[in-house]
Amino acid sequence: MKKITVLLAEDHMIVREGFRKMLELEDDFEIVAEAEDGRAAVALIKKFHPEVVLMDIAMPMLNGLEATRQALKLVPTTKIIMLSAHSDDAYVKNATESGAVGFLLKQTSAHDVCRAIREVHQGKTFFTPSISKQLHRLNPQLSGLVGKFHKQAAELTSREMEVLQLIAEGKANKQTAAELGIGLKTVEKHREHLMEKLDIHDTAGLTRYAISAGIIESSVQLTIV
């Protein structure tokens, strides 16, 4: 029997290990790689071409939403299921807009996780039952009237999204430049563009925006009020 190849992208090791042990109990799954941040996830998806990816939304280096967009450009046949501890409307809409074909809450049962992987592998979509109700309610918006975040995010480049996340994680411009391998002046220019496009003019505002959009978890920046 040909197994479904799966990649796990989750920054918390204990959660990732839990998913791995759960999936290893099934005869039809093969875990080909694991990633602890979004950038590593994109690189590993490009290398292994997994059939299904379990992708956490809030990860360091590169969040799951942007990692999904970048990965699907490289390997469009991969099916991505988003993982989150939150079920806010914004999270669900952002996940579907990024290209994910499934959305699971981290407290989802093992049965539903396995079922989700099998169904998206067959070309279907799968959402945690409570999320399915939200999606049904949000469907008119998803097909036309998207939320404010989508209108704004659509104007941001992938690089600007990366810079936004690093700013929100508390990285200084020099750290951001080193992390992304670009010049300090380039980072400063991206920062200016972000503030202009989002009409937000301070770091605290950018951080609050990133939290509300699910780009980072609220626990990342405890000093922001």
N, C-alpha and C. Protein backbone atom coordinates (compact mmCIF):
# COMPACT_ATOMS: atom_id res chain seq x y z
N MET A 1 0.83 -1.20 0.00
CA MET A 1 0.00 0.00 0.00
C MET A 1 0.87 1.25 0.00
N LYS A 2 0.60 2.15 -0.94
CA LYS A 2 1.33 3.40 -0.99
C LYS A 2 0.87 4.31 0.14
N LYS A 3 1.82 4.81 0.89
CA LYS A 3 1.48 5.65 2.04
C LYS A 3 1.37 7.12 1.64
N ILE A 4 0.57 7.87 2.41
CA ILE A 4 0.43 9.31 2.21
C ILE A 4 1.61 9.98 2.90
N THR A 5 2.39 10.74 2.16
CA THR A 5 3.55 11.41 2.75
C THR A 5 3.11 12.69 3.44
N VAL A 6 3.58 12.87 4.68
CA VAL A 6 3.14 13.98 5.51
C VAL A 6 4.34 14.74 6.06
N LEU A 7 4.24 16.05 6.08
CA LEU A 7 5.25 16.90 6.72
C LEU A 7 4.60 17.63 7.88
N LEU A 8 5.27 17.67 9.03
CA LEU A 8 4.77 18.35 10.21
C LEU A 8 5.52 19.66 10.40
N ALA A 9 4.81 20.77 10.46
CA ALA A 9 5.41 22.09 10.70
C ALA A 9 4.78 22.68 11.95
N GLU A 10 5.52 22.64 13.04
CA GLU A 10 5.02 23.08 14.35
C GLU A 10 6.21 23.44 15.22
N ASP A 11 6.20 24.64 15.81
CA ASP A 11 7.39 25.08 16.54
C ASP A 11 7.49 24.51 17.96
N HIS A 12 6.39 24.05 18.53
CA HIS A 12 6.46 23.46 19.86
C HIS A 12 6.77 21.97 19.75
N MET A 13 7.94 21.58 20.24
CA MET A 13 8.39 20.19 20.07
C MET A 13 7.42 19.17 20.66
N ILE A 14 6.88 19.46 21.83
CA ILE A 14 5.99 18.50 22.47
C ILE A 14 4.71 18.30 21.66
N VAL A 15 4.22 19.36 21.02
CA VAL A 15 3.02 19.24 20.17
C VAL A 15 3.37 18.45 18.91
N ARG A 16 4.54 18.78 18.33
CA ARG A 16 4.97 18.09 17.11
C ARG A 16 5.16 16.59 17.38
N GLU A 17 5.75 16.27 18.52
CA GLU A 17 5.95 14.86 18.87
C GLU A 17 4.61 14.15 19.05
N GLY A 18 3.64 14.87 19.63
CA GLY A 18 2.32 14.29 19.81
C GLY A 18 1.67 13.93 18.48
N PHE A 19 1.77 14.85 17.51
CA PHE A 19 1.21 14.57 16.18
C PHE A 19 1.95 13.40 15.53
N ARG A 20 3.28 13.39 15.66
CA ARG A 20 4.06 12.32 15.03
C ARG A 20 3.67 10.94 15.60
N LYS A 21 3.59 10.85 16.90
CA LYS A 21 3.24 9.57 17.52
C LYS A 21 1.82 9.14 17.13
N MET A 22 0.94 10.12 17.03
CA MET A 22 -0.43 9.84 16.63
C MET A 22 -0.47 9.26 15.21
N LEU A 23 0.26 9.89 14.29
CA LEU A 23 0.24 9.46 12.89
C LEU A 23 0.99 8.16 12.67
N GLU A 24 2.02 7.92 13.49
CA GLU A 24 2.79 6.68 13.34
C GLU A 24 1.98 5.44 13.69
N LEU A 25 0.88 5.63 14.37
CA LEU A 25 0.01 4.50 14.71
C LEU A 25 -0.82 4.05 13.51
N GLU A 26 -0.87 4.88 12.48
CA GLU A 26 -1.66 4.57 11.29
C GLU A 26 -0.78 3.93 10.21
N ASP A 27 -1.32 2.96 9.50
CA ASP A 27 -0.54 2.22 8.50
C ASP A 27 -0.36 2.97 7.18
N ASP A 28 -1.20 3.98 6.94
CA ASP A 28 -1.17 4.62 5.62
C ASP A 28 -0.48 5.99 5.60
N PHE A 29 0.21 6.36 6.69
CA PHE A 29 0.92 7.62 6.72
C PHE A 29 2.43 7.42 6.83
N GLU A 30 3.18 8.30 6.17
CA GLU A 30 4.63 8.31 6.29
C GLU A 30 5.09 9.75 6.52
N ILE A 31 5.68 10.02 7.68
CA ILE A 31 6.17 11.36 7.98
C ILE A 31 7.54 11.51 7.35
N VAL A 32 7.64 12.40 6.38
CA VAL A 32 8.90 12.54 5.62
C VAL A 32 9.81 13.62 6.19
N ALA A 33 9.27 14.57 6.96
CA ALA A 33 10.10 15.62 7.51
C ALA A 33 9.32 16.40 8.57
N GLU A 34 10.07 17.12 9.42
CA GLU A 34 9.47 17.98 10.43
C GLU A 34 10.17 19.33 10.42
N ALA A 35 9.41 20.39 10.65
CA ALA A 35 9.96 21.74 10.66
C ALA A 35 9.50 22.47 11.92
N GLU A 36 10.40 23.29 12.48
CA GLU A 36 10.04 24.03 13.69
C GLU A 36 9.84 25.52 13.44
N ASP A 37 9.96 25.93 12.19
CA ASP A 37 9.62 27.31 11.83
C ASP A 37 9.17 27.35 10.38
N GLY A 38 8.54 28.46 9.99
CA GLY A 38 7.96 28.56 8.66
C GLY A 38 8.96 28.50 7.53
N ARG A 39 10.12 29.11 7.74
CA ARG A 39 11.11 29.12 6.67
C ARG A 39 11.64 27.71 6.40
N ALA A 40 11.86 26.95 7.48
CA ALA A 40 12.31 25.57 7.31
C ALA A 40 11.21 24.74 6.64
N ALA A 41 9.97 25.03 6.96
CA ALA A 41 8.85 24.30 6.35
C ALA A 41 8.85 24.48 4.84
N VAL A 42 9.03 25.72 4.39
CA VAL A 42 9.04 25.98 2.94
C VAL A 42 10.18 25.22 2.27
N ALA A 43 11.36 25.25 2.87
CA ALA A 43 12.53 24.56 2.30
C ALA A 43 12.30 23.05 2.24
N LEU A 44 11.71 22.49 3.28
CA LEU A 44 11.49 21.04 3.33
C LEU A 44 10.37 20.60 2.38
N ILE A 45 9.36 21.45 2.23
CA ILE A 45 8.31 21.14 1.26
C ILE A 45 8.89 21.12 -0.15
N LYS A 46 9.75 22.07 -0.44
CA LYS A 46 10.41 22.12 -1.74
C LYS A 46 11.27 20.88 -1.96
N LYS A 47 11.92 20.39 -0.90
CA LYS A 47 12.82 19.24 -1.02
C LYS A 47 12.07 17.91 -1.13
N PHE A 48 11.04 17.72 -0.28
CA PHE A 48 10.39 16.42 -0.19
C PHE A 48 9.07 16.30 -0.95
N HIS A 49 8.47 17.42 -1.36
CA HIS A 49 7.18 17.39 -2.05
C HIS A 49 6.16 16.52 -1.31
N PRO A 50 5.92 16.77 -0.02
CA PRO A 50 4.95 15.94 0.71
C PRO A 50 3.56 16.12 0.13
N GLU A 51 2.75 15.08 0.25
CA GLU A 51 1.39 15.16 -0.28
C GLU A 51 0.49 16.00 0.64
N VAL A 52 0.74 15.92 1.95
CA VAL A 52 -0.05 16.68 2.92
C VAL A 52 0.88 17.32 3.95
N VAL A 53 0.56 18.54 4.34
CA VAL A 53 1.33 19.24 5.37
C VAL A 53 0.39 19.68 6.48
N LEU A 54 0.78 19.42 7.73
CA LEU A 54 0.09 19.99 8.88
C LEU A 54 0.91 21.22 9.27
N MET A 55 0.35 22.40 9.11
CA MET A 55 1.08 23.66 9.25
C MET A 55 0.50 24.52 10.37
N ASP A 56 1.31 24.77 11.39
CA ASP A 56 0.89 25.67 12.46
C ASP A 56 0.83 27.10 11.93
N ILE A 57 -0.17 27.87 12.33
CA ILE A 57 -0.27 29.25 11.87
C ILE A 57 0.82 30.12 12.47
N ALA A 58 0.98 30.08 13.79
CA ALA A 58 1.91 30.98 14.47
C ALA A 58 3.24 30.29 14.71
N MET A 59 4.21 30.56 13.83
CA MET A 59 5.56 30.00 13.98
C MET A 59 6.58 31.11 13.85
N PRO A 60 7.75 30.94 14.48
CA PRO A 60 8.80 31.96 14.37
C PRO A 60 9.42 31.95 12.97
N MET A 61 10.21 32.99 12.69
CA MET A 61 10.92 33.15 11.42
C MET A 61 9.98 33.49 10.26
N LEU A 62 8.95 32.68 10.08
CA LEU A 62 7.96 32.89 9.03
C LEU A 62 6.67 32.22 9.47
N ASN A 63 5.58 32.98 9.54
CA ASN A 63 4.33 32.40 10.03
C ASN A 63 3.74 31.42 9.02
N GLY A 64 2.83 30.58 9.51
CA GLY A 64 2.26 29.54 8.66
C GLY A 64 1.48 30.03 7.46
N LEU A 65 0.86 31.20 7.59
CA LEU A 65 0.10 31.75 6.47
C LEU A 65 1.00 32.09 5.30
N GLU A 66 2.08 32.81 5.57
CA GLU A 66 3.01 33.19 4.50
C GLU A 66 3.79 31.97 4.01
N ALA A 67 4.13 31.06 4.94
CA ALA A 67 4.82 29.83 4.54
C ALA A 67 3.96 29.02 3.58
N THR A 68 2.65 29.01 3.82
CA THR A 68 1.73 28.29 2.94
C THR A 68 1.72 28.91 1.55
N ARG A 69 1.63 30.24 1.49
CA ARG A 69 1.63 30.92 0.19
C ARG A 69 2.91 30.61 -0.58
N GLN A 70 4.05 30.71 0.09
CA GLN A 70 5.33 30.48 -0.58
C GLN A 70 5.47 29.01 -1.00
N ALA A 71 5.06 28.10 -0.12
CA ALA A 71 5.19 26.67 -0.42
C ALA A 71 4.34 26.26 -1.61
N LEU A 72 3.12 26.78 -1.69
CA LEU A 72 2.22 26.40 -2.78
C LEU A 72 2.68 26.96 -4.12
N LYS A 73 3.45 28.03 -4.11
CA LYS A 73 4.03 28.53 -5.35
C LYS A 73 5.10 27.57 -5.85
N LEU A 74 5.81 26.94 -4.91
CA LEU A 74 6.89 26.01 -5.25
C LEU A 74 6.37 24.61 -5.55
N VAL A 75 5.41 24.16 -4.75
CA VAL A 75 4.86 22.80 -4.91
C VAL A 75 3.33 22.89 -4.84
N PRO A 76 2.68 23.28 -5.92
CA PRO A 76 1.23 23.50 -5.90
C PRO A 76 0.40 22.25 -5.66
N THR A 77 0.99 21.07 -5.80
CA THR A 77 0.23 19.83 -5.59
C THR A 77 0.10 19.48 -4.11
N THR A 78 0.90 20.09 -3.25
CA THR A 78 0.83 19.81 -1.82
C THR A 78 -0.47 20.33 -1.23
N LYS A 79 -1.07 19.54 -0.35
CA LYS A 79 -2.29 19.94 0.33
C LYS A 79 -1.92 20.37 1.75
N ILE A 80 -2.32 21.58 2.14
CA ILE A 80 -1.92 22.10 3.45
C ILE A 80 -3.13 22.25 4.37
N ILE A 81 -2.98 21.67 5.56
CA ILE A 81 -3.99 21.78 6.61
C ILE A 81 -3.42 22.70 7.68
N MET A 82 -4.13 23.76 8.00
CA MET A 82 -3.66 24.71 8.99
C MET A 82 -4.03 24.26 10.39
N LEU A 83 -3.08 24.46 11.32
CA LEU A 83 -3.30 24.14 12.72
C LEU A 83 -3.33 25.43 13.53
N SER A 84 -4.23 25.52 14.49
CA SER A 84 -4.27 26.70 15.34
C SER A 84 -4.97 26.38 16.65
N ALA A 85 -4.60 27.14 17.67
CA ALA A 85 -5.29 27.03 18.95
C ALA A 85 -6.49 27.95 18.98
N HIS A 86 -6.64 28.77 17.93
CA HIS A 86 -7.71 29.77 17.88
C HIS A 86 -8.65 29.50 16.70
N SER A 87 -9.91 29.88 16.89
CA SER A 87 -10.89 29.67 15.82
C SER A 87 -11.59 30.97 15.44
N ASP A 88 -10.94 32.10 15.70
CA ASP A 88 -11.53 33.39 15.35
C ASP A 88 -11.80 33.45 13.84
N ASP A 89 -12.80 34.24 13.45
CA ASP A 89 -13.13 34.38 12.03
C ASP A 89 -11.92 34.79 11.21
N ALA A 90 -11.12 35.72 11.74
CA ALA A 90 -9.96 36.21 10.99
C ALA A 90 -8.98 35.08 10.69
N TYR A 91 -8.77 34.19 11.66
CA TYR A 91 -7.85 33.08 11.47
C TYR A 91 -8.35 32.16 10.36
N VAL A 92 -9.64 31.85 10.39
CA VAL A 92 -10.22 30.94 9.40
C VAL A 92 -10.14 31.55 8.00
N LYS A 93 -10.52 32.82 7.88
CA LYS A 93 -10.49 33.48 6.58
C LYS A 93 -9.06 33.60 6.06
N ASN A 94 -8.13 33.96 6.94
CA ASN A 94 -6.74 34.11 6.51
C ASN A 94 -6.18 32.77 6.03
N ALA A 95 -6.53 31.71 6.72
CA ALA A 95 -6.03 30.38 6.35
C ALA A 95 -6.54 29.97 4.97
N THR A 96 -7.85 30.15 4.73
CA THR A 96 -8.40 29.75 3.43
C THR A 96 -7.86 30.64 2.31
N GLU A 97 -7.68 31.92 2.61
CA GLU A 97 -7.14 32.82 1.59
C GLU A 97 -5.69 32.50 1.25
N SER A 98 -4.95 31.94 2.20
CA SER A 98 -3.54 31.61 1.95
C SER A 98 -3.40 30.37 1.07
N GLY A 99 -4.48 29.59 0.95
CA GLY A 99 -4.43 28.39 0.11
C GLY A 99 -4.61 27.09 0.86
N ALA A 100 -4.80 27.16 2.18
CA ALA A 100 -5.01 25.94 2.96
C ALA A 100 -6.34 25.30 2.58
N VAL A 101 -6.38 23.98 2.56
CA VAL A 101 -7.61 23.26 2.22
C VAL A 101 -8.22 22.60 3.45
N GLY A 102 -7.63 22.89 4.62
CA GLY A 102 -8.16 22.35 5.86
C GLY A 102 -7.77 23.24 7.02
N PHE A 103 -8.52 23.15 8.11
CA PHE A 103 -8.23 23.94 9.31
C PHE A 103 -8.61 23.09 10.51
N LEU A 104 -7.62 22.81 11.36
CA LEU A 104 -7.86 22.01 12.55
C LEU A 104 -7.47 22.77 13.80
N LEU A 105 -8.31 22.71 14.82
CA LEU A 105 -7.91 23.21 16.12
C LEU A 105 -6.97 22.19 16.75
N LYS A 106 -6.00 22.66 17.52
CA LYS A 106 -5.00 21.74 18.06
C LYS A 106 -5.59 20.73 19.03
N GLN A 107 -6.78 21.02 19.58
CA GLN A 107 -7.42 20.07 20.49
C GLN A 107 -8.31 19.07 19.74
N THR A 108 -8.23 19.08 18.40
CA THR A 108 -9.02 18.16 17.59
C THR A 108 -8.64 16.71 17.91
N SER A 109 -9.59 15.82 17.87
CA SER A 109 -9.35 14.41 18.17
C SER A 109 -8.43 13.77 17.14
N ALA A 110 -7.75 12.71 17.56
CA ALA A 110 -6.86 11.98 16.66
C ALA A 110 -7.62 11.45 15.46
N HIS A 111 -8.83 11.01 15.70
CA HIS A 111 -9.67 10.48 14.61
C HIS A 111 -9.87 11.53 13.53
N ASP A 112 -10.19 12.77 13.94
CA ASP A 112 -10.45 13.82 12.96
C ASP A 112 -9.18 14.28 12.25
N VAL A 113 -8.04 14.26 12.95
CA VAL A 113 -6.77 14.63 12.32
C VAL A 113 -6.46 13.65 11.19
N CYS A 114 -6.57 12.37 11.49
CA CYS A 114 -6.30 11.34 10.47
C CYS A 114 -7.31 11.42 9.33
N ARG A 115 -8.55 11.65 9.68
CA ARG A 115 -9.58 11.78 8.65
C ARG A 115 -9.30 12.99 7.75
N ALA A 116 -8.86 14.08 8.36
CA ALA A 116 -8.55 15.29 7.59
C ALA A 116 -7.45 15.03 6.57
N ILE A 117 -6.40 14.36 6.99
CA ILE A 117 -5.29 14.07 6.09
C ILE A 117 -5.75 13.22 4.92
N ARG A 118 -6.53 12.21 5.20
CA ARG A 118 -7.01 11.32 4.14
C ARG A 118 -7.94 12.05 3.17
N GLU A 119 -8.80 12.91 3.71
CA GLU A 119 -9.76 13.60 2.84
C GLU A 119 -9.10 14.65 1.95
N VAL A 120 -8.18 15.43 2.51
CA VAL A 120 -7.54 16.44 1.65
C VAL A 120 -6.63 15.76 0.62
N HIS A 121 -6.09 14.60 0.97
CA HIS A 121 -5.28 13.84 0.02
C HIS A 121 -6.12 13.41 -1.18
N GLN A 122 -7.41 13.19 -0.93
CA GLN A 122 -8.33 12.78 -2.00
C GLN A 122 -8.91 13.98 -2.76
N GLY A 123 -8.43 15.18 -2.44
CA GLY A 123 -8.89 16.35 -3.15
C GLY A 123 -10.05 17.07 -2.50
N LYS A 124 -10.41 16.67 -1.30
CA LYS A 124 -11.51 17.31 -0.59
C LYS A 124 -10.96 18.36 0.38
N THR A 125 -11.86 19.04 1.07
CA THR A 125 -11.46 19.96 2.13
C THR A 125 -11.92 19.39 3.46
N PHE A 126 -11.29 19.83 4.53
CA PHE A 126 -11.69 19.34 5.85
C PHE A 126 -11.45 20.42 6.89
N PHE A 127 -12.49 20.69 7.68
CA PHE A 127 -12.39 21.68 8.75
C PHE A 127 -12.96 21.08 10.03
N THR A 128 -12.31 21.40 11.15
CA THR A 128 -12.86 21.00 12.45
C THR A 128 -14.35 21.34 12.46
N PRO A 129 -15.21 20.43 12.94
CA PRO A 129 -16.67 20.66 12.89
C PRO A 129 -17.11 22.06 13.28
N SER A 130 -16.58 22.61 14.36
CA SER A 130 -16.99 23.95 14.77
C SER A 130 -16.56 25.00 13.75
N ILE A 131 -15.42 24.74 13.08
CA ILE A 131 -14.92 25.65 12.05
C ILE A 131 -15.80 25.57 10.81
N SER A 132 -16.31 24.38 10.52
CA SER A 132 -17.18 24.21 9.35
C SER A 132 -18.40 25.11 9.44
N LYS A 133 -18.95 25.26 10.65
CA LYS A 133 -20.10 26.13 10.84
C LYS A 133 -19.72 27.58 10.56
N GLN A 134 -18.53 27.98 11.03
CA GLN A 134 -18.06 29.34 10.78
C GLN A 134 -17.87 29.57 9.29
N LEU A 135 -17.26 28.58 8.64
CA LEU A 135 -16.96 28.72 7.21
C LEU A 135 -18.25 28.86 6.41
N HIS A 136 -19.26 28.12 6.79
CA HIS A 136 -20.55 28.23 6.10
C HIS A 136 -21.11 29.65 6.25
N ARG A 137 -20.98 30.19 7.46
CA ARG A 137 -21.47 31.54 7.71
C ARG A 137 -20.63 32.58 6.98
N LEU A 138 -19.32 32.31 6.85
CA LEU A 138 -18.42 33.28 6.23
C LEU A 138 -18.35 33.14 4.72
N ASN A 139 -18.94 32.10 4.17
CA ASN A 139 -18.77 31.81 2.75
C ASN A 139 -19.04 32.99 1.82
N PRO A 140 -20.09 33.77 2.01
CA PRO A 140 -20.31 34.93 1.12
C PRO A 140 -19.14 35.90 1.15
N GLN A 141 -18.54 36.07 2.31
CA GLN A 141 -17.40 36.97 2.42
C GLN A 141 -16.18 36.38 1.72
N LEU A 142 -16.01 35.07 1.85
CA LEU A 142 -14.85 34.43 1.24
C LEU A 142 -14.92 34.50 -0.28
N SER A 143 -16.12 34.54 -0.81
CA SER A 143 -16.25 34.57 -2.26
C SER A 143 -16.31 35.99 -2.82
N GLY A 144 -16.39 36.96 -1.93
CA GLY A 144 -16.48 38.33 -2.43
C GLY A 144 -15.96 39.37 -1.47
N LEU A 145 -16.73 39.62 -0.42
CA LEU A 145 -16.38 40.68 0.51
C LEU A 145 -15.44 40.18 1.58
N VAL A 146 -14.15 40.19 1.31
CA VAL A 146 -13.18 39.73 2.29
C VAL A 146 -12.97 40.82 3.31
N GLY A 147 -12.38 40.42 4.46
CA GLY A 147 -12.19 41.37 5.55
C GLY A 147 -11.07 42.36 5.30
N LYS A 148 -10.96 43.28 6.23
CA LYS A 148 -9.96 44.35 6.12
C LYS A 148 -8.56 43.79 6.00
N PHE A 149 -8.27 42.73 6.77
CA PHE A 149 -6.92 42.17 6.73
C PHE A 149 -6.57 41.70 5.33
N HIS A 150 -7.51 41.04 4.65
CA HIS A 150 -7.22 40.52 3.33
C HIS A 150 -6.95 41.64 2.33
N LYS A 151 -7.71 42.71 2.43
CA LYS A 151 -7.51 43.82 1.51
C LYS A 151 -6.14 44.43 1.71
N GLN A 152 -5.72 44.51 2.97
CA GLN A 152 -4.42 45.09 3.28
C GLN A 152 -3.30 44.11 2.96
N ALA A 153 -3.47 42.86 3.39
CA ALA A 153 -2.42 41.88 3.20
C ALA A 153 -2.15 41.62 1.73
N ALA A 154 -3.19 41.74 0.91
CA ALA A 154 -3.03 41.51 -0.52
C ALA A 154 -2.05 42.51 -1.13
N GLU A 155 -1.89 43.65 -0.47
CA GLU A 155 -1.01 44.68 -0.99
C GLU A 155 0.43 44.49 -0.51
N LEU A 156 0.64 43.60 0.46
CA LEU A 156 1.97 43.37 0.99
C LEU A 156 2.69 42.28 0.21
N THR A 157 3.96 42.51 -0.05
CA THR A 157 4.77 41.50 -0.71
C THR A 157 5.18 40.44 0.31
N SER A 158 5.69 39.31 -0.17
CA SER A 158 6.15 38.27 0.75
C SER A 158 7.25 38.79 1.66
N ARG A 159 8.15 39.60 1.09
CA ARG A 159 9.24 40.16 1.89
C ARG A 159 8.71 41.09 2.97
N GLU A 160 7.70 41.90 2.61
CA GLU A 160 7.12 42.80 3.60
C GLU A 160 6.43 42.02 4.71
N MET A 161 5.80 40.89 4.37
CA MET A 161 5.19 40.06 5.39
C MET A 161 6.24 39.48 6.34
N GLU A 162 7.39 39.11 5.78
CA GLU A 162 8.47 38.59 6.61
C GLU A 162 9.00 39.66 7.55
N VAL A 163 9.19 40.86 7.01
CA VAL A 163 9.67 41.98 7.82
C VAL A 163 8.66 42.31 8.91
N LEU A 164 7.38 42.32 8.57
CA LEU A 164 6.33 42.60 9.54
C LEU A 164 6.40 41.61 10.70
N GLN A 165 6.56 40.33 10.40
CA GLN A 165 6.61 39.34 11.47
C GLN A 165 7.81 39.56 12.37
N LEU A 166 8.97 39.83 11.79
CA LEU A 166 10.18 40.01 12.60
C LEU A 166 10.09 41.28 13.45
N ILE A 167 9.48 42.31 12.91
CA ILE A 167 9.27 43.53 13.71
C ILE A 167 8.37 43.20 14.90
N ALA A 168 7.29 42.49 14.62
CA ALA A 168 6.33 42.14 15.68
C ALA A 168 6.94 41.21 16.72
N GLU A 169 7.94 40.44 16.32
CA GLU A 169 8.62 39.55 17.27
C GLU A 169 9.68 40.29 18.08
N GLY A 170 9.80 41.60 17.84
CA GLY A 170 10.71 42.40 18.64
C GLY A 170 12.11 42.53 18.08
N LYS A 171 12.32 42.12 16.83
CA LYS A 171 13.64 42.21 16.22
C LYS A 171 13.94 43.66 15.81
N ALA A 172 15.16 44.11 16.10
CA ALA A 172 15.60 45.42 15.65
C ALA A 172 15.89 45.35 14.15
N ASN A 173 16.02 46.50 13.51
CA ASN A 173 16.28 46.53 12.06
C ASN A 173 17.53 45.75 11.68
N LYS A 174 18.60 45.89 12.49
CA LYS A 174 19.85 45.17 12.19
C LYS A 174 19.64 43.66 12.28
N GLN A 175 18.88 43.23 13.29
CA GLN A 175 18.60 41.80 13.43
C GLN A 175 17.77 41.29 12.26
N THR A 176 16.79 42.09 11.85
CA THR A 176 15.94 41.71 10.73
C THR A 176 16.75 41.59 9.45
N ALA A 177 17.66 42.55 9.24
CA ALA A 177 18.51 42.53 8.05
C ALA A 177 19.37 41.27 8.03
N ALA A 178 19.95 40.93 9.19
CA ALA A 178 20.80 39.74 9.27
C ALA A 178 20.00 38.47 9.05
N GLU A 179 18.79 38.44 9.62
CA GLU A 179 17.94 37.26 9.52
C GLU A 179 17.53 36.99 8.08
N LEU A 180 17.23 38.05 7.33
CA LEU A 180 16.74 37.91 5.97
C LEU A 180 17.85 38.00 4.93
N GLY A 181 19.05 38.36 5.36
CA GLY A 181 20.17 38.46 4.42
C GLY A 181 20.03 39.63 3.47
N ILE A 182 19.49 40.74 3.98
CA ILE A 182 19.34 41.94 3.15
C ILE A 182 19.96 43.12 3.87
N GLY A 183 20.11 44.24 3.19
CA GLY A 183 20.74 45.42 3.77
C GLY A 183 19.85 46.14 4.77
N LEU A 184 20.49 46.89 5.68
CA LEU A 184 19.76 47.64 6.68
C LEU A 184 18.83 48.67 6.04
N LYS A 185 19.32 49.36 5.01
CA LYS A 185 18.49 50.36 4.34
C LYS A 185 17.27 49.72 3.67
N THR A 186 17.45 48.49 3.19
CA THR A 186 16.32 47.78 2.57
C THR A 186 15.26 47.47 3.62
N VAL A 187 15.70 47.06 4.80
CA VAL A 187 14.76 46.80 5.89
C VAL A 187 14.01 48.07 6.26
N GLU A 188 14.73 49.17 6.36
CA GLU A 188 14.10 50.44 6.71
C GLU A 188 13.07 50.86 5.66
N LYS A 189 13.38 50.58 4.41
CA LYS A 189 12.44 50.91 3.33
C LYS A 189 11.19 50.03 3.42
N HIS A 190 11.38 48.74 3.69
CA HIS A 190 10.23 47.84 3.86
C HIS A 190 9.37 48.30 5.03
N ARG A 191 10.02 48.72 6.09
CA ARG A 191 9.30 49.18 7.27
C ARG A 191 8.44 50.41 6.93
N GLU A 192 9.01 51.33 6.16
CA GLU A 192 8.28 52.52 5.73
C GLU A 192 7.07 52.14 4.89
N HIS A 193 7.27 51.18 3.97
CA HIS A 193 6.19 50.74 3.10
C HIS A 193 5.06 50.09 3.91
N LEU A 194 5.45 49.28 4.92
CA LEU A 194 4.45 48.63 5.76
C LEU A 194 3.58 49.65 6.47
N MET A 195 4.22 50.63 7.06
CA MET A 195 3.48 51.65 7.81
C MET A 195 2.56 52.45 6.89
N GLU A 196 3.05 52.70 5.69
CA GLU A 196 2.26 53.46 4.73
C GLU A 196 1.06 52.65 4.26
N LYS A 197 1.29 51.39 3.88
CA LYS A 197 0.22 50.56 3.34
C LYS A 197 -0.84 50.22 4.39
N LEU A 198 -0.39 49.99 5.62
CA LEU A 198 -1.32 49.61 6.68
C LEU A 198 -1.86 50.81 7.45
N ASP A 199 -1.29 51.98 7.17
CA ASP A 199 -1.67 53.20 7.89
C ASP A 199 -1.47 53.03 9.38
N ILE A 200 -0.33 52.42 9.71
CA ILE A 200 0.08 52.21 11.11
C ILE A 200 1.48 52.81 11.23
N HIS A 201 1.69 53.63 12.25
CA HIS A 201 2.93 54.40 12.26
C HIS A 201 3.79 54.22 13.50
N ASP A 202 3.64 53.08 14.18
CA ASP A 202 4.55 52.77 15.28
C ASP A 202 4.67 51.26 15.42
N THR A 203 5.72 50.82 16.11
CA THR A 203 5.99 49.39 16.26
C THR A 203 4.89 48.68 17.04
N ALA A 204 4.38 49.35 18.08
CA ALA A 204 3.32 48.74 18.88
C ALA A 204 2.08 48.46 18.02
N GLY A 205 1.77 49.40 17.12
CA GLY A 205 0.62 49.22 16.24
C GLY A 205 0.83 48.06 15.27
N LEU A 206 2.04 47.96 14.72
CA LEU A 206 2.35 46.85 13.81
C LEU A 206 2.25 45.51 14.54
N THR A 207 2.69 45.51 15.79
CA THR A 207 2.64 44.28 16.58
C THR A 207 1.20 43.87 16.87
N ARG A 208 0.38 44.83 17.26
CA ARG A 208 -1.03 44.53 17.52
C ARG A 208 -1.71 44.01 16.25
N TYR A 209 -1.35 44.60 15.11
CA TYR A 209 -1.91 44.16 13.84
C TYR A 209 -1.51 42.71 13.55
N ALA A 210 -0.23 42.39 13.77
CA ALA A 210 0.27 41.04 13.52
C ALA A 210 -0.42 40.03 14.42
N ILE A 211 -0.67 40.41 15.67
CA ILE A 211 -1.36 39.51 16.60
C ILE A 211 -2.80 39.28 16.15
N SER A 212 -3.50 40.36 15.80
CA SER A 212 -4.91 40.24 15.41
C SER A 212 -5.08 39.44 14.12
N ALA A 213 -4.04 39.46 13.27
CA ALA A 213 -4.11 38.73 11.99
C ALA A 213 -3.64 37.29 12.12
N GLY A 214 -3.16 36.91 13.32
CA GLY A 214 -2.70 35.54 13.51
C GLY A 214 -1.29 35.30 13.02
N ILE A 215 -0.55 36.38 12.70
CA ILE A 215 0.82 36.24 12.20
C ILE A 215 1.76 35.81 13.31
N ILE A 216 1.53 36.33 14.52
CA ILE A 216 2.27 35.89 15.70
C ILE A 216 1.28 35.66 16.82
N GLU A 217 1.71 34.90 17.83
CA GLU A 217 0.85 34.68 18.99
C GLU A 217 0.99 35.86 19.94
N SER A 218 -0.06 36.14 20.70
CA SER A 218 -0.03 37.27 21.61
C SER A 218 1.03 37.15 22.67
N SER A 219 1.46 35.91 22.97
CA SER A 219 2.46 35.71 24.02
C SER A 219 3.85 36.14 23.58
N VAL A 220 4.05 36.37 22.26
CA VAL A 220 5.38 36.73 21.78
C VAL A 220 5.80 38.08 22.30
N GLN A 221 4.87 39.04 22.33
CA GLN A 221 5.19 40.38 22.77
C GLN A 221 4.39 40.71 24.03
N LEU A 222 4.95 40.44 25.20
CA LEU A 222 4.24 40.68 26.44
C LEU A 222 4.26 42.14 26.85
N THR A 223 5.16 42.94 26.27
CA THR A 223 5.30 44.32 26.69
C THR A 223 4.39 45.26 25.93
N ILE A 224 3.75 44.77 24.87
CA ILE A 224 2.90 45.63 24.07
C ILE A 224 1.55 45.82 24.75
N VAL A 225 1.08 47.04 24.83
CA VAL A 225 -0.21 47.33 25.45
C VAL A 225 -1.09 48.05 24.46
